[in-house]
Structures are given as structure tokens and as C-alpha cells.
Protein backbone atom coordinates (compact mmCIF):
# COMPACT_ATOMS: atom_id res chain seq x y z
CA MET A 1 97.26 175.71 58.49
CA VAL A 2 96.93 174.56 54.88
CA TYR A 3 98.79 171.39 53.87
CA LYS A 4 99.66 170.20 50.33
CA PHE A 5 101.87 167.37 49.11
CA ARG A 6 105.37 168.15 47.92
CA ASN A 7 106.04 167.71 44.22
CA GLY A 8 106.31 164.02 43.40
CA TYR A 9 104.49 162.88 46.55
CA SER A 10 101.02 161.44 46.89
CA LEU A 11 99.13 159.27 49.32
CA PRO A 12 95.72 157.66 49.38
CA VAL A 13 94.63 160.36 51.83
CA ASP A 14 94.53 164.07 51.03
CA ALA A 15 97.42 166.26 52.23
CA GLN A 16 95.27 168.33 54.57
CA THR A 17 94.16 165.23 56.45
CA VAL A 18 97.74 163.98 56.71
CA GLY A 19 99.12 167.34 57.90
CA ASP A 20 96.31 167.80 60.45
CA ARG A 21 96.82 164.28 61.82
CA LEU A 22 100.61 164.65 62.09
CA THR A 23 100.05 167.94 63.88
CA SER A 24 97.67 166.20 66.26
CA ILE A 25 100.26 163.51 66.97
CA LYS A 26 102.88 166.19 67.61
CA ASP A 27 100.49 168.04 69.95
CA GLN A 28 99.76 164.85 71.90
CA LEU A 29 103.39 163.83 72.28
CA GLY A 30 105.12 167.18 72.48
CA ARG A 31 107.47 168.71 69.98
CA VAL A 32 109.16 165.43 68.97
CA TYR A 33 107.59 162.34 67.57
CA THR A 34 108.97 159.32 65.70
CA PRO A 35 107.89 157.27 62.70
CA ALA A 36 106.95 154.54 65.19
CA ASP A 37 104.53 156.99 66.85
CA VAL A 38 102.92 157.67 63.46
CA VAL A 39 102.58 153.91 62.72
CA ALA A 40 101.00 153.36 66.18
CA ASP A 41 98.52 156.14 65.52
CA ALA A 42 97.70 154.78 62.05
CA LYS A 43 97.18 151.20 63.13
CA PRO A 44 93.49 151.42 64.09
CA TRP A 45 91.08 151.14 61.14
CA ALA A 46 89.45 154.41 62.17
CA SER A 47 92.70 156.38 61.93
CA PRO A 48 92.77 158.75 58.96
CA LEU A 49 96.35 157.64 58.28
CA HIS A 50 95.49 153.91 58.20
CA PRO A 51 95.24 153.77 54.34
CA CYS A 52 98.75 155.21 54.03
CA PHE A 53 100.36 152.01 55.31
CA GLU A 54 100.73 148.42 54.13
CA TRP A 55 99.12 146.31 56.84
CA ASN A 56 99.58 142.97 55.12
CA ASP A 57 102.63 141.61 57.00
CA ARG A 58 103.86 139.53 54.08
CA ARG A 59 103.88 142.47 51.66
CA ALA A 60 105.31 144.79 54.28
CA ALA A 61 108.07 142.30 55.02
CA ASP A 62 108.87 142.09 51.29
CA ARG A 63 109.12 145.86 51.08
CA TRP A 64 111.37 145.93 54.12
CA ARG A 65 113.64 143.36 52.49
CA GLU A 66 113.72 145.49 49.33
CA ASP A 67 114.84 148.44 51.48
CA GLN A 68 117.55 146.18 52.98
CA ALA A 69 118.56 145.20 49.44
CA ARG A 70 119.00 148.92 48.58
CA HIS A 71 121.32 149.17 51.56
CA VAL A 72 123.29 146.13 50.37
CA ILE A 73 123.62 147.56 46.85
CA ARG A 74 124.72 150.99 48.13
CA SER A 75 127.31 149.45 50.47
CA VAL A 76 129.75 148.29 47.78
CA GLU A 77 132.54 150.38 46.26
CA THR A 78 135.08 149.81 43.54
CA VAL A 79 138.69 150.61 44.29
CA GLU A 80 141.13 151.53 41.55
CA ILE A 81 144.81 151.72 42.54
CA SER A 82 147.00 153.95 40.39
CA ASP A 83 150.64 153.31 39.64
CA ASP A 84 151.64 155.55 42.56
CA GLY A 85 149.46 153.54 44.97
CA THR A 86 146.68 156.14 45.24
CA GLU A 87 143.23 154.65 45.73
CA THR A 88 140.22 156.01 43.89
CA ARG A 89 136.97 154.81 45.40
CA ARG A 90 133.50 155.15 43.95
CA PRO A 91 130.21 153.36 44.35
CA ALA A 92 130.14 150.09 42.42
CA PHE A 93 126.48 150.61 41.57
CA VAL A 94 124.36 153.76 41.20
CA SER A 95 120.67 154.36 41.26
CA VAL A 96 119.28 155.27 37.86
CA CYS A 97 115.73 156.61 37.79
CA ASP A 98 113.77 154.44 35.39
CA ARG A 99 111.06 156.72 33.99
CA SER A 100 109.31 153.72 32.40
CA GLN A 101 108.57 152.24 35.84
CA PRO A 102 105.58 153.27 37.94
CA ARG A 103 106.49 156.10 40.36
CA ASN A 104 109.78 156.57 38.51
CA GLU A 105 111.17 153.68 40.53
CA SER A 106 114.97 153.47 40.68
CA SER A 107 117.00 150.67 39.27
CA TYR A 108 120.68 150.09 39.85
CA MET A 109 123.45 149.83 37.33
CA ALA A 110 127.20 149.26 37.52
CA ILE A 111 129.00 152.63 37.65
CA ALA A 112 131.22 151.51 34.74
CA ASP A 113 128.16 150.95 32.51
CA VAL A 114 126.75 154.37 33.44
CA LEU A 115 130.05 156.14 32.75
CA ASP A 116 130.27 154.43 29.35
CA ASP A 117 126.80 155.63 28.26
CA ASP A 118 126.32 159.38 27.76
CA THR A 119 122.56 159.17 28.14
CA LEU A 120 122.74 157.23 31.42
CA ARG A 121 125.50 159.53 32.73
CA ARG A 122 123.35 162.61 31.97
CA ARG A 123 120.36 160.94 33.67
CA VAL A 124 122.38 160.32 36.84
CA LEU A 125 123.80 163.85 36.75
CA HIS A 126 120.24 165.15 36.41
CA ASP A 127 119.19 163.13 39.46
CA VAL A 128 122.17 164.52 41.40
CA THR A 129 121.25 168.10 40.50
CA SER A 130 117.67 167.42 41.65
CA GLN A 131 118.98 166.18 44.99
CA LEU A 132 121.27 169.21 45.32
CA ARG A 133 118.36 171.56 44.50
CA GLY A 134 116.36 169.85 47.27
CA LEU A 135 119.24 170.28 49.69
CA ALA A 136 119.60 173.97 48.76
CA ARG A 137 115.85 174.47 49.18
CA ARG A 138 115.94 172.75 52.58
CA LEU A 139 118.90 174.89 53.73
CA ASN A 140 117.07 177.99 52.55
CA GLN A 141 113.91 176.97 54.45
CA ILE A 142 115.81 176.66 57.75
CA GLY A 143 117.92 179.78 57.20
CA GLY A 144 121.13 177.98 56.34
CA PRO A 145 124.31 179.91 55.60
CA GLU A 146 123.82 182.01 52.47
CA GLU A 147 127.33 181.24 51.20
CA THR A 148 126.61 177.51 51.41
CA ILE A 149 123.38 177.89 49.46
CA GLU A 150 125.16 180.01 46.85
CA ALA A 151 127.94 177.40 46.61
CA LEU A 152 125.37 174.66 46.07
CA GLU A 153 123.66 176.68 43.34
CA ALA A 154 127.05 177.22 41.63
CA ILE A 155 127.67 173.46 41.74
CA ILE A 156 124.24 172.83 40.22
CA VAL A 157 125.01 175.25 37.37
CA SER A 158 128.40 173.61 36.88
CA ILE A 159 126.92 170.10 36.68
CA ALA A 160 124.14 171.28 34.35
CA ALA A 161 126.78 172.69 31.99
CA ILE A 162 128.45 169.29 31.57
CA SER A 163 125.31 167.18 31.38
């Protein structure tokens, strides 16, 4: 089997080594394995996956807290109540890919600020279409319903037309 990294992905170890090692873990444990199994395998210095992980507990803890912060940011919505009492909910903050940051790291902005700026709005719509393309690709890979894939592709075209 030949392994390559997906677009946008890279690690300090080549893709063939990663794929072979993950296959070895799967073979040892059966068909199902967890991220914890991969971490356990990578922990020894001699493991080919060892360089893929942050082993400094302080830095790893900081990254975990950043992941928790992403959860906190994504958890908040704004609620607008119309005159007839209907609620409109939307995320209070959205992720905006900052192409000036290393690894195109995401930043967050208030949804109102994004909606008021055509450039930011187009950037977020572009990110959404990329996610939808990934979903359509994944459904296609597993033999998902053709009508669902076609519907996603129509949505992508529709969003592209307004962005």
C-alpha cells in the first residue's frame, strides 16, 4: 500500500511511515483502534510516530487548553427575536482562516463583523464550500447516496455564485 498526505497535511515523518505504522497498530489491535492507542504506540523514543507528538507536558497542556478555548468560543450563539416572537439563532463568533498565520491558523471574529465586511464574508463562505467539498468527497469515498452528493454539489455551486 502506498500512503501520501492529504492536501494541507504534513508531519515530521513521511506519509508512508505513518500509514505503515497505523496499519501495524490496526493489525495488532484488530479492526478498531483509538487515538489513545496511537499515542501509546508513539510514546517510546524508538517509535516512528514519536516525532509527530508534543511530549513536553507544559506545551501539550497549553495546546489542550487552546482546544478547550475553541470549544468555548464555538459554544455561544446570538439570539435575535423578531416582532412576532420568532427566534433567529446563529453562532456569535465564526472561525476565519487567517492566511497570514503559519499553517493558515484560524482566528475568530464576531459574526456581526463578518457579515458587515464583504471580504470576510466571502472568506468564510469559501471556507464553508471547502468543508462541503470535503464532505462530498468523503461521502463519495464510502459510496454515499448519489442524490445526497449531488445535492451537496448544488449547494456548493449556489454558495460560490453569491461569494
